[in-house]
Amino acid sequence: MLRIQDLVKIYPGPVAALKGVSLEIPEGLFGLLGPNGAGKSTLMNILSGLLEPTGGSVTLDGVDIVKDPRAVWARLGYLPQDFGFYPSLSGAQMLDFLLRLKGVDAPQGRKALVAELLERVNLADAAKRKVRTYSGGMRQRLGIAQAIAGNPRLVIVDEPTAGLDPEERQRFYRILAELGRDRIVLLSTHIVEDIATLCPRFAVIRGGRCVTSGGTSDARKRLDGRVFEGIVQPDELERIRAAHRVTQAVLVEGSLFRTRVQGEPGSQPAGFVSVPPTLEDVYFGVMDESRAADAARASVPAFATATVA
């Protein structure tokens, strides 16, 4: 179990990147969703022992990794969003170099371990090719190979499918699903499809706060019968926005909008039909609620929350 309790990070300025985040992350795949600038990367850096929080605690299987970052380094596999490779090395040479840096070896020798890891991520046939010839997906698979070396208890992957084509994304999904069978895999992304495909549990971070967490299936079920979709003209969209809670409006055929609204049964605009809720519906709904809560807080005068001595 990875337990995060009241985590705060304040940068000089001051800028509060995390504002009391608390999460319990069990074994398996766990998704962390949020827009750019939400605080996800700050959280990843704290969990990996690269950044010290301003306050709060993080424990991995009961061990405090804030007080002792080395406790997590030996049990961590980390694939950051931007992973640098030496383009002139082959895939096997690059992986061998990374294993040396991590201090990872195996009874059968590092060469055999490199071959085993490359086979596991489906890069055995490209082991001798220069890294500069690798596609984006192949580089990500090479990155995950170094991340799982040493059989880590916790694997963190940050925006792993950004820029991948659909085929490479599906291949990467299969690798991550396999990893989640016997360890904690934390997937940080702004791509909702990644979480919907892989993760039975998730959390959404916005503005440094955790605005929701729980099971992905349960979150969708809570919206059953409350999501409606219709195709509307551009001039109709603003009218619908004024009267309904619009969570998505996607341009189709260059001039129409496929529009989704959330509300009570029977409250939908004319012509809209009930549709099965998706995790995107959950995400957009939560973000909408969070923005409304921020606006409400901002509208309260400072003196209204002051206490009288």
Protein backbone atom coordinates (compact mmCIF):
# COMPACT_ATOMS: atom_id res chain seq x y z
CA MET A 1 0.00 0.00 0.00
CA LEU A 2 1.19 3.49 -0.90
CA ARG A 3 -0.33 5.95 1.56
CA ILE A 4 -0.19 9.73 0.96
CA GLN A 5 -1.38 11.89 3.83
CA ASP A 6 -1.98 15.68 3.77
CA LEU A 7 0.84 16.28 1.28
CA VAL A 8 1.76 19.94 0.76
CA LYS A 9 4.39 21.48 -1.50
CA ILE A 10 4.97 25.24 -1.58
CA TYR A 11 7.54 26.73 -3.93
CA PRO A 12 9.10 30.19 -3.44
CA GLY A 13 6.75 32.95 -4.49
CA PRO A 14 4.87 31.45 -2.72
CA VAL A 15 3.26 28.98 -5.13
CA ALA A 16 1.28 26.11 -3.63
CA ALA A 17 1.71 23.17 -6.02
CA LEU A 18 0.07 20.66 -3.65
CA LYS A 19 -2.55 21.65 -1.08
CA GLY A 20 -3.08 18.73 1.26
CA VAL A 21 -3.34 15.70 -1.07
CA SER A 22 -4.35 12.44 0.62
CA LEU A 23 -4.62 9.11 -1.23
CA GLU A 24 -4.42 5.39 -0.51
CA ILE A 25 -3.08 3.45 -3.49
CA PRO A 26 -3.33 -0.36 -3.34
CA GLU A 27 -1.49 -2.96 -5.39
CA GLY A 28 -2.41 -2.85 -9.07
CA LEU A 29 -2.89 -0.07 -11.58
CA PHE A 30 -3.93 3.33 -10.22
CA GLY A 31 -4.60 6.34 -12.44
CA LEU A 32 -3.83 9.93 -11.58
CA LEU A 33 -5.71 12.33 -13.85
CA GLY A 34 -5.43 16.07 -14.13
CA PRO A 35 -4.74 18.92 -16.53
CA ASN A 36 -1.26 20.33 -17.12
CA GLY A 37 -0.18 22.33 -14.09
CA ALA A 38 -2.46 20.41 -11.71
CA GLY A 39 0.44 19.26 -9.51
CA LYS A 40 0.86 15.72 -10.90
CA SER A 41 4.56 16.07 -11.72
CA THR A 42 5.29 17.60 -8.31
CA LEU A 43 3.55 14.64 -6.68
CA MET A 44 5.50 12.17 -8.86
CA ASN A 45 8.80 13.79 -7.89
CA ILE A 46 7.94 13.58 -4.20
CA LEU A 47 6.89 9.93 -4.46
CA SER A 48 10.13 9.08 -6.25
CA GLY A 49 12.22 10.76 -3.54
CA LEU A 50 13.50 13.51 -5.85
CA LEU A 51 11.68 16.37 -4.09
CA GLU A 52 11.04 17.08 -0.43
CA PRO A 53 7.48 18.09 0.49
CA THR A 54 6.69 21.12 2.62
CA GLY A 55 4.39 19.02 4.79
CA GLY A 56 2.61 15.70 5.02
CA SER A 57 3.76 12.10 4.82
CA VAL A 58 4.22 9.28 2.31
CA THR A 59 4.61 5.65 3.32
CA LEU A 60 5.23 2.60 1.14
CA ASP A 61 4.17 -0.59 2.92
CA GLY A 62 4.52 1.28 6.21
CA VAL A 63 7.98 2.75 5.50
CA ASP A 64 8.19 6.57 5.61
CA ILE A 65 9.84 7.52 2.32
CA VAL A 66 9.89 11.25 3.10
CA LYS A 67 12.18 10.71 6.08
CA ASP A 68 14.20 8.07 4.23
CA PRO A 69 14.08 8.52 0.42
CA ARG A 70 16.63 5.71 -0.01
CA ALA A 71 13.95 3.33 1.22
CA VAL A 72 11.97 3.93 -1.97
CA TRP A 73 14.89 4.24 -4.40
CA ALA A 74 15.73 0.55 -4.01
CA ARG A 75 12.09 -0.41 -4.65
CA LEU A 76 11.20 2.10 -7.36
CA GLY A 77 10.87 1.94 -11.12
CA TYR A 78 10.36 5.36 -12.69
CA LEU A 79 9.57 6.35 -16.27
CA PRO A 80 9.43 10.16 -16.45
CA GLN A 81 7.66 12.04 -19.21
CA ASP A 82 10.93 13.04 -20.88
CA PHE A 83 13.47 10.23 -20.76
CA GLY A 84 16.85 10.92 -22.35
CA PHE A 85 18.68 8.26 -24.33
CA TYR A 86 22.05 8.26 -26.08
CA PRO A 87 21.00 7.96 -29.74
CA SER A 88 24.27 6.40 -30.92
CA LEU A 89 23.91 3.37 -28.61
CA SER A 90 21.94 0.28 -29.51
CA GLY A 91 18.88 -0.61 -27.46
CA ALA A 92 20.80 -3.35 -25.65
CA GLN A 93 23.78 -1.07 -24.95
CA MET A 94 21.51 1.70 -23.67
CA LEU A 95 19.66 -0.64 -21.34
CA ASP A 96 22.89 -2.17 -20.07
CA PHE A 97 24.21 1.34 -19.31
CA LEU A 98 21.03 2.23 -17.41
CA LEU A 99 21.19 -0.98 -15.38
CA ARG A 100 24.77 -0.14 -14.42
CA LEU A 101 23.65 3.29 -13.23
CA LYS A 102 20.86 1.71 -11.17
CA GLY A 103 23.18 -0.90 -9.73
CA VAL A 104 20.98 -3.72 -10.99
CA ASP A 105 22.49 -7.11 -11.71
CA ALA A 106 21.25 -10.69 -11.86
CA PRO A 107 22.61 -14.15 -10.99
CA GLN A 108 22.75 -15.05 -14.68
CA GLY A 109 24.64 -11.83 -15.48
CA ARG A 110 23.59 -8.41 -16.74
CA LYS A 111 23.79 -9.39 -20.41
CA ALA A 112 21.20 -12.10 -19.89
CA LEU A 113 19.04 -9.71 -17.86
CA VAL A 114 19.15 -7.14 -20.67
CA ALA A 115 18.02 -9.79 -23.16
CA GLU A 116 15.23 -10.89 -20.81
CA LEU A 117 13.97 -7.34 -20.28
CA LEU A 118 14.03 -6.52 -24.00
CA GLU A 119 12.08 -9.71 -24.72
CA ARG A 120 9.53 -8.74 -22.08
CA VAL A 121 8.83 -5.37 -23.72
CA ASN A 122 8.89 -6.84 -27.26
CA LEU A 123 12.16 -5.21 -28.31
CA ALA A 124 14.32 -8.33 -28.67
CA ASP A 125 14.33 -8.04 -32.47
CA ALA A 126 15.50 -4.41 -32.20
CA ALA A 127 18.18 -4.98 -29.56
CA LYS A 128 21.07 -4.17 -31.91
CA ARG A 129 19.43 -1.20 -33.62
CA LYS A 130 20.55 2.32 -32.71
CA VAL A 131 18.18 4.09 -30.36
CA ARG A 132 17.98 6.99 -32.81
CA THR A 133 16.10 4.67 -35.21
CA TYR A 134 13.48 3.79 -32.59
CA SER A 135 9.94 5.09 -32.86
CA GLY A 136 8.36 6.95 -29.95
CA GLY A 137 6.63 3.80 -28.79
CA MET A 138 9.82 1.77 -28.93
CA ARG A 139 11.59 4.39 -26.81
CA GLN A 140 8.79 4.21 -24.26
CA ARG A 141 9.09 0.43 -24.15
CA LEU A 142 12.85 0.75 -23.65
CA GLY A 143 12.12 3.19 -20.84
CA ILE A 144 9.73 0.77 -19.14
CA ALA A 145 12.36 -1.98 -19.47
CA GLN A 146 14.76 0.01 -17.30
CA ALA A 147 11.92 0.94 -14.93
CA ILE A 148 11.04 -2.69 -14.14
CA ALA A 149 14.65 -3.84 -13.78
CA GLY A 150 15.28 -5.09 -10.26
CA ASN A 151 11.62 -6.11 -9.76
CA PRO A 152 10.50 -2.83 -8.09
CA ARG A 153 7.57 -2.73 -5.69
CA LEU A 154 6.41 0.66 -7.01
CA VAL A 155 6.42 1.69 -10.68
CA ILE A 156 5.62 5.29 -11.62
CA VAL A 157 4.95 6.22 -15.24
CA ASP A 158 4.38 9.85 -16.17
CA GLU A 159 2.42 10.61 -19.37
CA PRO A 160 3.56 7.34 -20.96
CA THR A 161 1.36 7.35 -24.08
CA ALA A 162 1.60 11.01 -25.10
CA GLY A 163 2.50 11.15 -28.80
CA LEU A 164 2.09 7.41 -29.44
CA ASP A 165 0.10 6.14 -32.40
CA PRO A 166 -2.91 3.89 -31.65
CA GLU A 167 -1.04 0.64 -32.30
CA GLU A 168 1.88 1.56 -30.04
CA ARG A 169 -0.53 2.77 -27.37
CA GLN A 170 -2.30 -0.61 -27.32
CA ARG A 171 1.04 -2.40 -27.11
CA PHE A 172 2.05 -0.22 -24.18
CA TYR A 173 -1.31 -0.85 -22.48
CA ARG A 174 -0.62 -4.59 -22.53
CA ILE A 175 2.79 -4.11 -20.91
CA LEU A 176 1.39 -1.91 -18.14
CA ALA A 177 -1.52 -4.29 -17.48
CA GLU A 178 0.96 -7.13 -17.00
CA LEU A 179 3.06 -5.03 -14.60
CA GLY A 180 0.03 -4.22 -12.46
CA ARG A 181 -0.59 -7.85 -11.53
CA ASP A 182 1.93 -8.00 -8.68
CA ARG A 183 3.01 -4.46 -7.80
CA ILE A 184 1.79 -0.89 -7.43
CA VAL A 185 1.74 0.90 -10.77
CA LEU A 186 0.93 4.61 -10.66
CA LEU A 187 -0.04 6.05 -14.04
CA SER A 188 -0.02 9.85 -14.20
CA THR A 189 -1.63 11.35 -17.30
CA HIS A 190 -4.04 13.92 -18.73
CA ILE A 191 -5.34 11.34 -21.22
CA VAL A 192 -8.62 9.97 -19.83
CA GLU A 193 -8.62 7.00 -22.23
CA ASP A 194 -5.44 5.65 -20.60
CA ILE A 195 -7.09 5.50 -17.18
CA ALA A 196 -10.41 4.17 -18.53
CA THR A 197 -8.59 1.34 -20.31
CA LEU A 198 -6.17 0.31 -17.58
CA CYS A 199 -7.08 1.41 -14.08
CA PRO A 200 -9.75 0.03 -11.74
CA ARG A 201 -9.08 2.94 -9.36
CA PHE A 202 -8.20 6.57 -10.01
CA ALA A 203 -7.99 10.08 -8.60
CA VAL A 204 -8.34 13.52 -10.17
CA ILE A 205 -6.05 16.38 -9.16
CA ARG A 206 -6.80 20.00 -10.00
CA GLY A 207 -5.08 23.08 -8.65
CA GLY A 208 -2.99 21.03 -6.23
CA ARG A 209 -6.04 19.38 -4.64
CA CYS A 210 -7.47 15.88 -4.98
CA VAL A 211 -11.03 16.60 -6.14
CA THR A 212 -12.21 12.98 -6.36
CA SER A 213 -10.93 9.42 -6.00
CA GLY A 214 -12.33 5.91 -6.04
CA GLY A 215 -13.24 3.11 -8.43
CA THR A 216 -13.61 3.95 -12.11
CA SER A 217 -16.66 1.67 -12.51
CA ASP A 218 -18.35 3.15 -9.44
CA ALA A 219 -17.70 6.67 -10.70
CA ARG A 220 -19.39 5.88 -14.02
CA LYS A 221 -22.35 4.18 -12.34
CA ARG A 222 -23.07 7.30 -10.31
CA LEU A 223 -23.84 9.06 -13.60
CA ASP A 224 -26.20 6.39 -14.94
CA GLY A 225 -29.25 8.07 -16.51
CA ARG A 226 -27.78 11.56 -16.08
CA VAL A 227 -25.72 11.94 -19.27
CA PHE A 228 -27.39 13.01 -22.53
CA GLU A 229 -26.06 13.64 -26.02
CA GLY A 230 -27.27 15.47 -29.10
CA ILE A 231 -26.02 17.08 -32.32
CA VAL A 232 -26.61 20.83 -32.41
CA GLN A 233 -25.93 23.83 -34.62
CA PRO A 234 -23.35 26.39 -33.40
CA ASP A 235 -26.03 29.00 -32.65
CA GLU A 236 -27.96 26.46 -30.55
CA LEU A 237 -24.91 25.61 -28.44
CA GLU A 238 -24.82 28.90 -26.54
CA ARG A 239 -28.53 28.67 -25.78
CA ILE A 240 -28.05 25.16 -24.43
CA ARG A 241 -25.05 26.25 -22.37
CA ALA A 242 -27.16 28.95 -20.74
CA ALA A 243 -29.81 26.47 -19.62
CA HIS A 244 -27.94 23.19 -19.08
CA ARG A 245 -24.70 21.82 -17.71
CA VAL A 246 -22.68 21.20 -20.87
CA THR A 247 -19.59 19.07 -20.21
CA GLN A 248 -18.46 18.37 -23.79
CA ALA A 249 -18.99 19.99 -27.16
CA VAL A 250 -16.98 18.33 -29.94
CA LEU A 251 -16.94 19.72 -33.47
CA VAL A 252 -18.10 17.17 -36.08
CA GLU A 253 -18.36 17.47 -39.86
CA GLY A 254 -16.85 20.94 -39.62
CA SER A 255 -20.06 22.75 -38.62
CA LEU A 256 -21.98 20.80 -35.97
CA PHE A 257 -21.31 20.04 -32.32
CA ARG A 258 -21.76 16.65 -30.66
CA THR A 259 -22.80 17.94 -27.26
CA ARG A 260 -23.08 16.12 -23.95
CA VAL A 261 -24.96 17.51 -20.96
CA GLN A 262 -25.40 16.23 -17.42
CA GLY A 263 -28.57 16.60 -15.38
CA GLU A 264 -31.58 14.89 -13.88
CA PRO A 265 -33.65 12.54 -16.08
CA GLY A 266 -36.17 14.55 -18.08
CA SER A 267 -34.18 17.78 -17.85
CA GLN A 268 -32.24 17.27 -21.08
CA PRO A 269 -32.66 19.56 -24.13
CA ALA A 270 -35.14 18.55 -26.80
CA GLY A 271 -33.71 15.93 -29.12
CA PHE A 272 -31.03 14.77 -26.67
CA VAL A 273 -30.94 11.08 -25.73
CA SER A 274 -29.58 9.26 -22.69
CA VAL A 275 -26.17 7.67 -23.29
CA PRO A 276 -23.95 5.37 -21.19
CA PRO A 277 -21.59 7.48 -19.06
CA THR A 278 -17.86 7.29 -19.70
CA LEU A 279 -14.89 8.19 -17.53
CA GLU A 280 -14.59 11.35 -19.62
CA ASP A 281 -18.07 12.32 -18.42
CA VAL A 282 -16.92 11.76 -14.84
CA TYR A 283 -13.75 13.78 -15.42
CA PHE A 284 -15.44 16.74 -17.09
CA GLY A 285 -18.18 16.76 -14.49
CA VAL A 286 -15.71 16.74 -11.61
CA MET A 287 -13.64 19.50 -13.22
CA ASP A 288 -16.77 21.59 -13.74
CA GLU A 289 -17.76 21.15 -10.08
CA SER A 290 -14.24 22.02 -8.95
CA ARG A 291 -14.19 25.24 -10.99
CA ALA A 292 -17.59 26.18 -9.55
CA ALA A 293 -16.30 25.55 -6.01
CA ASP A 294 -13.25 27.72 -6.68
CA ALA A 295 -15.47 30.52 -7.96
CA ALA A 296 -17.69 30.25 -4.88
CA ARG A 297 -14.66 30.43 -2.57
CA ALA A 298 -13.30 33.43 -4.45
CA SER A 299 -16.61 35.27 -4.09
CA VAL A 300 -16.62 35.04 -0.28
CA PRO A 301 -15.17 38.24 1.24
CA ALA A 302 -12.11 37.73 3.43
CA PHE A 303 -13.86 39.17 6.49
CA ALA A 304 -16.63 36.59 6.16
CA THR A 305 -14.27 33.78 7.18
CA ALA A 306 -12.42 35.71 9.86
CA THR A 307 -12.92 34.77 13.49
CA VAL A 308 -13.44 37.27 16.27
CA ALA A 309 -11.13 36.95 19.26
